[in-house]
């Protein structure tokens, strides 16, 4: 898509989102701000996201607890005696932010969900070259899965993907679609993307 056309489409979508407070939208909803993740070791997580992925640490704060009341339960839906030892916000280039939590709680479970589990999730990072990303990650000792896998059919045709894991088991993905995806040709809604619009 020509750069000017893409810019005009993005501008129209943003303008629509800014004024689209309706019965089927949270009033004033503008976009995805961050994804929050609870990690077992804050120093390890910050090191992984900065030294391997390439994010930047923006700020840290905490701790938060309520020894006498139910504030933690009322606000966050966790055990009343849960403690947030630290919160760290990461900026990952042109995508939304990642918020890392280090919790302790009486009922804390230490179980990393698989992608197929209810509540399972992954974080995807747009990269220019998935094969280069795989070589880099493996050079850093990061566990990668099969791939790069090019998607050649269906609405997602044009993607190349690779799944990989953080040291504590968090599922992540490297994805690239430099020429866009097949669905975009006739789509009323085009997905937001951090990729360079000139590509």
N, C-alpha and C. Protein backbone atom coordinates (compact mmCIF):
# COMPACT_ATOMS: atom_id res chain seq x y z
N UNK A 1 0.85 -1.19 0.00
CA UNK A 1 0.00 0.00 0.00
C UNK A 1 0.89 1.25 0.00
N UNK A 2 0.57 2.22 -0.82
CA UNK A 2 1.33 3.46 -0.90
C UNK A 2 1.38 4.12 0.48
N UNK A 3 2.51 4.77 0.79
CA UNK A 3 2.71 5.37 2.12
C UNK A 3 1.61 6.38 2.45
N UNK A 4 1.25 7.24 1.50
CA UNK A 4 0.23 8.26 1.75
C UNK A 4 -1.12 7.61 2.03
N UNK A 5 -1.48 6.56 1.24
CA UNK A 5 -2.74 5.86 1.48
C UNK A 5 -2.76 5.23 2.86
N UNK A 6 -1.65 4.59 3.25
CA UNK A 6 -1.56 3.95 4.56
C UNK A 6 -1.71 4.99 5.66
N UNK A 7 -1.06 6.15 5.47
CA UNK A 7 -1.14 7.23 6.46
C UNK A 7 -2.58 7.72 6.58
N UNK A 8 -3.25 7.92 5.44
CA UNK A 8 -4.64 8.39 5.46
C UNK A 8 -5.56 7.37 6.12
N UNK A 9 -5.33 6.08 5.84
CA UNK A 9 -6.14 5.03 6.47
C UNK A 9 -5.92 5.02 7.97
N UNK A 10 -4.65 5.10 8.40
CA UNK A 10 -4.35 5.11 9.83
C UNK A 10 -4.98 6.33 10.50
N UNK A 11 -4.90 7.49 9.85
CA UNK A 11 -5.48 8.71 10.41
C UNK A 11 -7.00 8.58 10.56
N UNK A 12 -7.64 7.99 9.54
CA UNK A 12 -9.09 7.81 9.60
C UNK A 12 -9.48 6.86 10.72
N UNK A 13 -8.71 5.78 10.87
CA UNK A 13 -9.00 4.82 11.94
C UNK A 13 -8.82 5.45 13.31
N UNK A 14 -7.74 6.23 13.46
CA UNK A 14 -7.50 6.90 14.74
C UNK A 14 -8.59 7.92 15.04
N UNK A 15 -8.98 8.68 14.04
CA UNK A 15 -10.04 9.67 14.24
C UNK A 15 -11.34 8.99 14.63
N UNK A 16 -11.64 7.86 13.98
CA UNK A 16 -12.84 7.11 14.32
C UNK A 16 -12.78 6.56 15.72
N UNK A 17 -11.60 6.06 16.11
CA UNK A 17 -11.45 5.50 17.45
C UNK A 17 -11.60 6.58 18.51
N UNK A 18 -11.13 7.79 18.19
CA UNK A 18 -11.18 8.87 19.17
C UNK A 18 -12.60 9.35 19.43
N UNK A 19 -13.50 9.15 18.45
CA UNK A 19 -14.86 9.66 18.60
C UNK A 19 -15.89 8.54 18.71
N UNK A 20 -15.43 7.30 18.80
CA UNK A 20 -16.35 6.17 18.70
C UNK A 20 -16.83 5.66 20.06
N UNK A 21 -17.06 6.56 21.01
CA UNK A 21 -17.64 6.14 22.27
C UNK A 21 -19.10 5.79 22.03
N UNK A 22 -19.43 4.51 22.09
CA UNK A 22 -20.80 4.07 21.82
C UNK A 22 -21.14 2.92 22.75
N UNK A 23 -22.32 2.35 22.55
CA UNK A 23 -22.76 1.26 23.42
C UNK A 23 -21.87 0.03 23.30
N UNK A 24 -21.14 -0.10 22.18
CA UNK A 24 -20.29 -1.27 22.02
C UNK A 24 -18.81 -0.94 22.17
N UNK A 25 -18.50 0.11 22.92
CA UNK A 25 -17.12 0.51 23.15
C UNK A 25 -16.99 1.12 24.55
N UNK A 26 -15.89 0.84 25.22
CA UNK A 26 -15.60 1.55 26.46
C UNK A 26 -15.51 3.04 26.11
N UNK A 27 -16.21 3.90 26.81
CA UNK A 27 -16.15 5.33 26.46
C UNK A 27 -14.72 5.85 26.45
N UNK A 28 -14.34 6.47 25.34
CA UNK A 28 -13.01 7.06 25.23
C UNK A 28 -11.88 6.08 25.00
N UNK A 29 -12.18 4.81 24.75
CA UNK A 29 -11.12 3.82 24.54
C UNK A 29 -10.31 4.16 23.30
N UNK A 30 -8.98 4.27 23.46
CA UNK A 30 -8.11 4.67 22.36
C UNK A 30 -7.15 3.59 21.91
N UNK A 31 -6.88 2.59 22.74
CA UNK A 31 -5.94 1.57 22.30
C UNK A 31 -5.36 0.78 23.46
N UNK A 32 -4.50 -0.14 23.09
CA UNK A 32 -3.85 -1.04 24.05
C UNK A 32 -2.65 -0.35 24.65
N UNK A 33 -2.66 -0.11 25.95
CA UNK A 33 -1.58 0.62 26.63
C UNK A 33 -0.45 -0.31 27.07
N UNK A 34 -0.81 -1.42 27.73
CA UNK A 34 0.24 -2.33 28.19
C UNK A 34 -0.33 -3.72 28.46
N UNK A 35 0.56 -4.67 28.53
CA UNK A 35 0.24 -6.02 28.99
C UNK A 35 1.01 -6.24 30.28
N UNK A 36 0.31 -6.69 31.32
CA UNK A 36 0.94 -6.96 32.61
C UNK A 36 1.27 -8.43 32.76
N UNK A 37 2.46 -8.72 33.29
CA UNK A 37 2.94 -10.09 33.46
C UNK A 37 3.55 -10.23 34.85
N UNK A 38 3.16 -11.28 35.55
CA UNK A 38 3.80 -11.57 36.84
C UNK A 38 4.99 -12.49 36.58
N UNK A 39 6.14 -12.11 37.11
CA UNK A 39 7.38 -12.85 36.86
C UNK A 39 7.94 -13.38 38.18
N UNK A 40 8.72 -14.47 38.13
CA UNK A 40 9.26 -15.03 39.37
C UNK A 40 10.46 -14.26 39.91
N UNK A 41 11.19 -13.56 39.04
CA UNK A 41 12.42 -12.88 39.44
C UNK A 41 12.51 -11.59 38.63
N UNK A 42 12.35 -10.44 39.29
CA UNK A 42 12.30 -9.17 38.57
C UNK A 42 13.62 -8.86 37.87
N UNK A 43 14.75 -9.08 38.54
CA UNK A 43 16.04 -8.78 37.91
C UNK A 43 16.24 -9.62 36.65
N UNK A 44 15.87 -10.89 36.71
CA UNK A 44 15.99 -11.77 35.56
C UNK A 44 15.10 -11.29 34.41
N UNK A 45 13.87 -10.91 34.74
CA UNK A 45 12.91 -10.48 33.72
C UNK A 45 13.37 -9.18 33.06
N UNK A 46 13.80 -8.21 33.87
CA UNK A 46 14.28 -6.94 33.31
C UNK A 46 15.50 -7.19 32.43
N UNK A 47 16.40 -8.03 32.88
CA UNK A 47 17.59 -8.35 32.09
C UNK A 47 17.21 -8.99 30.76
N UNK A 48 16.25 -9.92 30.78
CA UNK A 48 15.83 -10.59 29.55
C UNK A 48 15.22 -9.59 28.57
N UNK A 49 14.29 -8.75 29.06
CA UNK A 49 13.62 -7.82 28.16
C UNK A 49 14.55 -6.71 27.65
N UNK A 50 15.57 -6.34 28.44
CA UNK A 50 16.49 -5.30 27.98
C UNK A 50 17.66 -5.89 27.19
N UNK A 51 18.34 -6.90 27.75
CA UNK A 51 19.58 -7.40 27.15
C UNK A 51 19.36 -8.39 26.02
N UNK A 52 18.17 -9.01 25.95
CA UNK A 52 17.90 -9.97 24.88
C UNK A 52 16.89 -9.40 23.88
N UNK A 53 15.72 -8.99 24.37
CA UNK A 53 14.67 -8.52 23.47
C UNK A 53 14.99 -7.14 22.92
N UNK A 54 15.51 -6.25 23.77
CA UNK A 54 15.85 -4.90 23.30
C UNK A 54 14.90 -3.82 23.77
N UNK A 55 14.09 -4.10 24.81
CA UNK A 55 13.22 -3.08 25.39
C UNK A 55 14.04 -2.17 26.30
N UNK A 56 13.43 -1.09 26.75
CA UNK A 56 14.10 -0.18 27.68
C UNK A 56 13.25 -0.05 28.95
N UNK A 57 13.93 -0.06 30.08
CA UNK A 57 13.23 0.13 31.36
C UNK A 57 12.85 1.59 31.50
N UNK A 58 11.57 1.84 31.78
CA UNK A 58 11.09 3.21 31.93
C UNK A 58 11.01 3.63 33.40
N UNK A 59 10.44 2.76 34.24
CA UNK A 59 10.32 3.10 35.66
C UNK A 59 10.01 1.86 36.49
N UNK A 60 10.29 1.95 37.77
CA UNK A 60 9.93 0.92 38.74
C UNK A 60 9.34 1.59 39.97
N UNK A 61 8.41 0.89 40.64
CA UNK A 61 7.86 1.40 41.90
C UNK A 61 7.30 0.24 42.71
N UNK A 62 6.91 0.52 43.93
CA UNK A 62 6.43 -0.48 44.86
C UNK A 62 7.29 -0.44 46.10
N UNK A 63 6.99 -1.23 47.12
CA UNK A 63 5.99 -2.29 47.17
C UNK A 63 4.59 -1.77 47.52
N UNK A 64 3.59 -2.68 47.32
CA UNK A 64 2.21 -2.41 47.67
C UNK A 64 1.67 -3.60 48.46
N UNK A 65 1.01 -3.28 49.57
CA UNK A 65 0.40 -4.32 50.41
C UNK A 65 -0.62 -3.66 51.31
N UNK A 66 -1.46 -4.49 51.92
CA UNK A 66 -2.44 -4.02 52.90
C UNK A 66 -2.51 -5.05 54.00
N UNK A 67 -1.79 -4.81 55.10
CA UNK A 67 -1.70 -5.78 56.21
C UNK A 67 -3.02 -5.94 56.95
N UNK A 68 -3.86 -4.91 56.95
CA UNK A 68 -5.03 -4.93 57.82
C UNK A 68 -6.37 -5.09 57.08
N UNK A 69 -6.40 -4.75 55.79
CA UNK A 69 -7.68 -4.74 55.09
C UNK A 69 -7.69 -5.63 53.85
N UNK A 70 -8.62 -5.29 52.94
CA UNK A 70 -8.82 -6.10 51.73
C UNK A 70 -8.55 -5.30 50.46
N UNK A 71 -7.72 -4.26 50.59
CA UNK A 71 -7.43 -3.41 49.45
C UNK A 71 -6.93 -4.20 48.24
N UNK A 72 -5.98 -5.11 48.46
CA UNK A 72 -5.40 -5.87 47.35
C UNK A 72 -6.46 -6.73 46.65
N UNK A 73 -7.34 -7.31 47.44
CA UNK A 73 -8.42 -8.11 46.87
C UNK A 73 -9.42 -7.23 46.13
N UNK A 74 -9.77 -6.10 46.74
CA UNK A 74 -10.78 -5.23 46.16
C UNK A 74 -10.31 -4.60 44.85
N UNK A 75 -9.04 -4.25 44.76
CA UNK A 75 -8.52 -3.57 43.57
C UNK A 75 -8.06 -4.56 42.50
N UNK A 76 -7.39 -5.64 42.91
CA UNK A 76 -6.71 -6.51 41.95
C UNK A 76 -7.28 -7.93 41.87
N UNK A 77 -8.20 -8.28 42.80
CA UNK A 77 -8.77 -9.62 42.78
C UNK A 77 -7.80 -10.69 43.23
N UNK A 78 -6.82 -10.33 44.07
CA UNK A 78 -5.84 -11.28 44.58
C UNK A 78 -6.09 -11.52 46.08
N UNK A 79 -5.34 -12.44 46.66
CA UNK A 79 -5.45 -12.70 48.10
C UNK A 79 -5.24 -11.39 48.87
N UNK A 80 -6.03 -11.13 49.90
CA UNK A 80 -5.88 -9.87 50.65
C UNK A 80 -4.47 -9.66 51.21
N UNK A 81 -3.75 -10.74 51.44
CA UNK A 81 -2.39 -10.64 52.00
C UNK A 81 -1.31 -10.67 50.91
N UNK A 82 -1.71 -10.61 49.65
CA UNK A 82 -0.73 -10.56 48.56
C UNK A 82 0.09 -9.27 48.66
N UNK A 83 1.34 -9.37 48.25
CA UNK A 83 2.24 -8.22 48.24
C UNK A 83 2.82 -8.07 46.83
N UNK A 84 2.71 -6.88 46.29
CA UNK A 84 3.45 -6.57 45.06
C UNK A 84 4.77 -5.98 45.51
N UNK A 85 5.83 -6.74 45.34
CA UNK A 85 7.15 -6.28 45.79
C UNK A 85 7.67 -5.17 44.87
N UNK A 86 7.40 -5.31 43.57
CA UNK A 86 7.91 -4.31 42.63
C UNK A 86 7.09 -4.37 41.33
N UNK A 87 6.93 -3.22 40.70
CA UNK A 87 6.35 -3.11 39.36
C UNK A 87 7.37 -2.38 38.50
N UNK A 88 7.64 -2.92 37.32
CA UNK A 88 8.56 -2.28 36.38
C UNK A 88 7.89 -2.17 35.02
N UNK A 89 7.92 -0.98 34.43
CA UNK A 89 7.36 -0.73 33.11
C UNK A 89 8.47 -0.70 32.08
N UNK A 90 8.24 -1.44 30.98
CA UNK A 90 9.22 -1.55 29.90
C UNK A 90 8.64 -0.93 28.63
N UNK A 91 9.46 -0.17 27.91
CA UNK A 91 9.09 0.38 26.61
C UNK A 91 9.76 -0.49 25.54
N UNK A 92 8.96 -1.00 24.61
CA UNK A 92 9.49 -1.90 23.58
C UNK A 92 9.35 -1.26 22.20
N UNK A 93 10.18 -0.26 21.94
CA UNK A 93 10.23 0.46 20.67
C UNK A 93 8.87 1.03 20.31
N UNK A 94 8.24 0.60 19.20
CA UNK A 94 7.03 1.24 18.71
C UNK A 94 5.76 0.47 19.06
N UNK A 95 5.85 -0.50 19.97
CA UNK A 95 4.68 -1.25 20.39
C UNK A 95 4.16 -0.73 21.72
N UNK A 96 3.12 -1.39 22.22
CA UNK A 96 2.61 -1.01 23.54
C UNK A 96 3.59 -1.50 24.61
N UNK A 97 3.37 -1.07 25.83
CA UNK A 97 4.31 -1.31 26.91
C UNK A 97 4.08 -2.66 27.58
N UNK A 98 5.08 -3.11 28.33
CA UNK A 98 4.99 -4.33 29.13
C UNK A 98 5.20 -3.94 30.58
N UNK A 99 4.29 -4.40 31.44
CA UNK A 99 4.35 -4.12 32.87
C UNK A 99 4.68 -5.42 33.60
N UNK A 100 5.81 -5.43 34.28
CA UNK A 100 6.27 -6.62 35.00
C UNK A 100 5.93 -6.48 36.48
N UNK A 101 5.34 -7.53 37.06
CA UNK A 101 5.00 -7.56 38.48
C UNK A 101 5.81 -8.65 39.17
N UNK A 102 6.31 -8.34 40.37
CA UNK A 102 6.88 -9.36 41.25
C UNK A 102 5.98 -9.43 42.48
N UNK A 103 5.20 -10.52 42.57
CA UNK A 103 4.24 -10.74 43.66
C UNK A 103 4.76 -11.79 44.62
N UNK A 104 4.30 -11.71 45.87
CA UNK A 104 4.26 -12.86 46.77
C UNK A 104 2.82 -12.90 47.30
N UNK A 105 2.31 -14.11 47.48
CA UNK A 105 0.94 -14.26 47.96
C UNK A 105 0.78 -15.64 48.60
N UNK A 106 -0.07 -15.74 49.65
CA UNK A 106 -0.26 -17.04 50.31
C UNK A 106 -0.75 -18.13 49.37
N UNK A 107 -1.53 -17.75 48.36
CA UNK A 107 -2.11 -18.75 47.46
C UNK A 107 -1.44 -18.75 46.07
N UNK A 108 -0.24 -18.21 46.00
CA UNK A 108 0.43 -18.07 44.69
C UNK A 108 0.73 -19.43 44.07
N UNK A 109 0.41 -19.57 42.79
CA UNK A 109 0.72 -20.79 42.04
C UNK A 109 1.93 -20.53 41.16
N UNK A 110 2.77 -21.52 41.02
CA UNK A 110 3.95 -21.41 40.16
C UNK A 110 3.74 -22.35 38.98
N UNK A 111 2.87 -21.94 38.06
CA UNK A 111 2.53 -22.77 36.92
C UNK A 111 2.43 -21.89 35.69
N UNK A 112 3.36 -22.07 34.76
CA UNK A 112 3.34 -21.30 33.53
C UNK A 112 2.38 -21.95 32.55
N UNK A 113 1.33 -21.24 32.10
CA UNK A 113 0.37 -21.88 31.20
C UNK A 113 0.96 -22.13 29.82
N UNK A 114 0.51 -23.21 29.19
CA UNK A 114 0.84 -23.45 27.80
C UNK A 114 -0.07 -22.58 26.94
N UNK A 115 0.29 -22.41 25.69
CA UNK A 115 -0.55 -21.61 24.80
C UNK A 115 -1.95 -22.19 24.67
N UNK A 116 -2.10 -23.50 24.88
CA UNK A 116 -3.40 -24.15 24.73
C UNK A 116 -4.25 -24.09 26.00
N UNK A 117 -3.69 -23.63 27.12
CA UNK A 117 -4.45 -23.55 28.36
C UNK A 117 -5.35 -22.32 28.37
N UNK A 118 -6.52 -22.44 29.03
CA UNK A 118 -7.36 -21.27 29.23
C UNK A 118 -6.56 -20.28 30.06
N UNK A 119 -6.49 -19.06 29.60
CA UNK A 119 -5.65 -18.06 30.28
C UNK A 119 -4.23 -18.03 29.76
N UNK A 120 -3.88 -18.98 28.88
CA UNK A 120 -2.56 -18.96 28.27
C UNK A 120 -2.43 -17.74 27.37
N UNK A 121 -1.23 -17.27 27.17
CA UNK A 121 -1.02 -16.07 26.35
C UNK A 121 0.41 -16.06 25.83
N UNK A 122 0.67 -15.18 24.90
CA UNK A 122 2.03 -14.92 24.46
C UNK A 122 2.14 -13.46 24.08
N UNK A 123 3.37 -12.98 23.99
CA UNK A 123 3.64 -11.61 23.56
C UNK A 123 4.40 -11.72 22.24
N UNK A 124 3.94 -11.00 21.22
CA UNK A 124 4.59 -11.03 19.92
C UNK A 124 5.32 -9.72 19.66
N UNK A 125 6.52 -9.85 19.11
CA UNK A 125 7.33 -8.69 18.73
C UNK A 125 7.50 -8.69 17.22
N UNK A 126 7.20 -7.54 16.59
CA UNK A 126 7.43 -7.43 15.15
C UNK A 126 8.92 -7.25 14.91
N UNK A 127 9.46 -8.04 13.98
CA UNK A 127 10.88 -7.95 13.61
C UNK A 127 10.97 -7.82 12.09
N UNK A 128 12.08 -7.32 11.61
CA UNK A 128 12.25 -7.18 10.16
C UNK A 128 12.58 -8.51 9.50
N UNK A 129 13.24 -9.43 10.22
CA UNK A 129 13.71 -10.68 9.63
C UNK A 129 13.64 -11.77 10.69
N UNK A 130 12.70 -12.70 10.54
CA UNK A 130 12.49 -13.74 11.55
C UNK A 130 13.68 -14.70 11.61
N UNK A 131 14.28 -15.02 10.47
CA UNK A 131 15.44 -15.91 10.47
C UNK A 131 16.60 -15.28 11.23
N UNK A 132 16.82 -13.99 11.03
CA UNK A 132 17.87 -13.29 11.76
C UNK A 132 17.55 -13.26 13.25
N UNK A 133 16.27 -13.07 13.58
CA UNK A 133 15.85 -13.08 14.99
C UNK A 133 16.14 -14.43 15.62
N UNK A 134 15.85 -15.53 14.90
CA UNK A 134 16.09 -16.86 15.44
C UNK A 134 17.58 -17.08 15.70
N UNK A 135 18.42 -16.72 14.73
CA UNK A 135 19.87 -16.89 14.90
C UNK A 135 20.36 -16.08 16.10
N UNK A 136 19.87 -14.86 16.24
CA UNK A 136 20.25 -14.01 17.36
C UNK A 136 19.82 -14.62 18.69
N UNK A 137 18.55 -15.04 18.77
CA UNK A 137 18.03 -15.61 20.02
C UNK A 137 18.80 -16.86 20.42
N UNK A 138 19.04 -17.75 19.46
CA UNK A 138 19.78 -18.96 19.78
C UNK A 138 21.21 -18.65 20.20
N UNK A 139 21.80 -17.60 19.63
CA UNK A 139 23.13 -17.16 20.05
C UNK A 139 23.14 -16.64 21.47
N UNK A 140 21.98 -16.18 21.94
CA UNK A 140 21.85 -15.71 23.33
C UNK A 140 21.42 -16.84 24.27
N UNK A 141 21.30 -18.06 23.74
CA UNK A 141 20.90 -19.19 24.58
C UNK A 141 19.41 -19.29 24.83
N UNK A 142 18.60 -18.60 24.02
CA UNK A 142 17.15 -18.61 24.20
C UNK A 142 16.56 -19.81 23.48
N UNK A 143 15.61 -20.50 24.14
CA UNK A 143 14.94 -21.65 23.53
C UNK A 143 13.97 -21.18 22.47
N UNK A 144 14.17 -21.64 21.23
CA UNK A 144 13.24 -21.32 20.15
C UNK A 144 12.54 -22.59 19.70
N UNK A 145 11.41 -22.41 19.04
CA UNK A 145 10.65 -23.55 18.53
C UNK A 145 10.86 -23.66 17.02
N UNK A 146 10.11 -24.55 16.38
CA UNK A 146 10.27 -24.77 14.95
C UNK A 146 10.00 -23.47 14.19
N UNK A 147 10.79 -23.24 13.18
CA UNK A 147 10.59 -22.06 12.36
C UNK A 147 11.92 -21.47 11.95
N UNK A 148 11.87 -20.37 11.22
CA UNK A 148 10.73 -19.54 10.85
C UNK A 148 9.71 -20.28 9.98
N UNK A 149 8.43 -19.99 10.22
CA UNK A 149 7.35 -20.62 9.47
C UNK A 149 6.65 -19.54 8.64
N UNK A 150 6.75 -19.62 7.31
CA UNK A 150 6.02 -18.67 6.47
C UNK A 150 4.56 -19.11 6.33
N UNK A 151 3.64 -18.17 6.48
CA UNK A 151 2.22 -18.45 6.27
C UNK A 151 1.92 -18.08 4.82
N UNK A 152 1.50 -19.07 4.05
CA UNK A 152 1.35 -18.87 2.60
C UNK A 152 -0.09 -18.91 2.10
N UNK A 153 -1.03 -19.29 2.96
CA UNK A 153 -2.43 -19.37 2.54
C UNK A 153 -3.32 -18.73 3.60
N UNK A 154 -4.52 -18.35 3.16
CA UNK A 154 -5.51 -17.80 4.08
C UNK A 154 -5.30 -16.32 4.34
N UNK A 155 -6.11 -15.75 5.23
CA UNK A 155 -6.06 -14.30 5.47
C UNK A 155 -4.75 -13.81 6.06
N UNK A 156 -4.00 -14.69 6.77
CA UNK A 156 -2.73 -14.29 7.38
C UNK A 156 -1.54 -14.52 6.45
N UNK A 157 -1.78 -14.93 5.21
CA UNK A 157 -0.68 -15.13 4.27
C UNK A 157 0.16 -13.86 4.18
N UNK A 158 1.46 -14.04 4.20
CA UNK A 158 2.38 -12.90 4.23
C UNK A 158 3.16 -12.83 5.53
N UNK A 159 2.63 -13.49 6.56
CA UNK A 159 3.34 -13.55 7.86
C UNK A 159 4.46 -14.58 7.81
N UNK A 160 5.48 -14.34 8.63
CA UNK A 160 6.45 -15.37 9.01
C UNK A 160 6.52 -15.31 10.52
N UNK A 161 6.50 -16.48 11.18
CA UNK A 161 6.45 -16.51 12.64
C UNK A 161 7.48 -17.45 13.24
N UNK A 162 7.79 -17.20 14.50
CA UNK A 162 8.68 -18.07 15.29
C UNK A 162 8.33 -17.87 16.76
N UNK A 163 8.05 -18.97 17.46
CA UNK A 163 7.82 -18.90 18.89
C UNK A 163 9.13 -19.14 19.64
N UNK A 164 9.27 -18.46 20.79
CA UNK A 164 10.43 -18.67 21.66
C UNK A 164 10.00 -18.45 23.10
N UNK A 165 10.90 -18.77 24.04
CA UNK A 165 10.54 -18.71 25.46
C UNK A 165 11.54 -17.93 26.28
N UNK A 166 11.00 -17.17 27.24
CA UNK A 166 11.84 -16.54 28.25
C UNK A 166 12.37 -17.62 29.19
N UNK A 167 13.43 -17.34 29.93
CA UNK A 167 14.02 -18.37 30.81
C UNK A 167 13.04 -18.96 31.82
N UNK A 168 12.02 -18.19 32.23
CA UNK A 168 11.05 -18.70 33.21
C UNK A 168 9.83 -19.31 32.54
N UNK A 169 9.82 -19.43 31.21
CA UNK A 169 8.75 -20.14 30.52
C UNK A 169 7.75 -19.28 29.77
N UNK A 170 7.80 -17.96 29.92
CA UNK A 170 6.87 -17.08 29.20
C UNK A 170 6.98 -17.32 27.70
N UNK A 171 5.83 -17.47 27.05
CA UNK A 171 5.81 -17.69 25.60
C UNK A 171 5.87 -16.35 24.87
N UNK A 172 6.74 -16.29 23.86
CA UNK A 172 6.89 -15.08 23.04
C UNK A 172 6.91 -15.48 21.58
N UNK A 173 6.76 -14.49 20.72
CA UNK A 173 6.74 -14.75 19.28
C UNK A 173 7.47 -13.64 18.55
N UNK A 174 8.22 -14.01 17.52
CA UNK A 174 8.75 -13.05 16.55
C UNK A 174 7.89 -13.17 15.31
N UNK A 175 7.43 -12.05 14.78
CA UNK A 175 6.55 -12.06 13.62
C UNK A 175 6.97 -10.97 12.65
N UNK A 176 6.80 -11.24 11.37
CA UNK A 176 7.12 -10.25 10.34
C UNK A 176 6.15 -10.41 9.18
N UNK A 177 5.74 -9.28 8.58
CA UNK A 177 4.91 -9.30 7.37
C UNK A 177 5.21 -8.02 6.59
N UNK A 178 6.42 -7.95 6.04
CA UNK A 178 6.88 -6.70 5.42
C UNK A 178 6.03 -6.23 4.25
N UNK A 179 5.34 -7.14 3.56
CA UNK A 179 4.47 -6.74 2.44
C UNK A 179 3.00 -6.81 2.83
N UNK A 180 2.72 -6.86 4.12
CA UNK A 180 1.36 -6.94 4.60
C UNK A 180 0.84 -8.36 4.58
N UNK A 181 -0.45 -8.51 4.89
CA UNK A 181 -1.10 -9.82 4.90
C UNK A 181 -2.25 -9.82 3.91
N UNK A 182 -2.63 -11.01 3.49
CA UNK A 182 -3.64 -11.15 2.44
C UNK A 182 -4.96 -10.49 2.79
N UNK A 183 -5.38 -10.56 4.05
CA UNK A 183 -6.70 -10.03 4.44
C UNK A 183 -6.82 -8.53 4.21
N UNK A 184 -5.67 -7.83 4.20
CA UNK A 184 -5.69 -6.37 4.13
C UNK A 184 -6.33 -5.85 2.84
N UNK A 185 -6.25 -6.64 1.76
CA UNK A 185 -6.73 -6.20 0.45
C UNK A 185 -8.19 -5.74 0.49
N UNK A 186 -9.04 -6.50 1.20
CA UNK A 186 -10.47 -6.18 1.23
C UNK A 186 -10.98 -5.86 2.63
N UNK A 187 -10.08 -5.61 3.57
CA UNK A 187 -10.49 -5.45 4.96
C UNK A 187 -11.11 -4.08 5.23
N UNK A 188 -12.18 -4.08 6.04
CA UNK A 188 -12.74 -2.82 6.54
C UNK A 188 -11.90 -2.32 7.71
N UNK A 189 -11.35 -3.26 8.48
CA UNK A 189 -10.50 -2.94 9.61
C UNK A 189 -9.14 -3.58 9.40
N UNK A 190 -8.09 -2.78 9.44
CA UNK A 190 -6.72 -3.28 9.30
C UNK A 190 -6.06 -3.24 10.68
N UNK A 191 -5.41 -4.33 11.03
CA UNK A 191 -4.74 -4.41 12.33
C UNK A 191 -3.66 -3.34 12.46
N UNK A 192 -3.52 -2.81 13.68
CA UNK A 192 -2.41 -1.90 13.96
C UNK A 192 -1.12 -2.69 13.88
N UNK A 193 -0.06 -2.04 13.43
CA UNK A 193 1.22 -2.72 13.30
C UNK A 193 2.34 -1.76 13.62
N UNK A 194 3.40 -2.25 14.29
CA UNK A 194 4.56 -1.39 14.58
C UNK A 194 5.57 -1.36 13.43
N UNK A 195 5.29 -2.07 12.32
CA UNK A 195 6.29 -2.14 11.25
C UNK A 195 6.44 -0.79 10.54
N UNK A 196 7.55 -0.64 9.87
CA UNK A 196 7.85 0.56 9.12
C UNK A 196 6.83 0.70 7.98
N UNK A 197 6.04 1.78 7.92
CA UNK A 197 5.00 1.90 6.89
C UNK A 197 5.57 1.99 5.48
N UNK A 198 6.87 2.27 5.35
CA UNK A 198 7.47 2.37 4.03
C UNK A 198 7.71 1.00 3.40
N UNK A 199 7.60 -0.08 4.21
CA UNK A 199 7.89 -1.41 3.69
C UNK A 199 6.64 -2.10 3.19
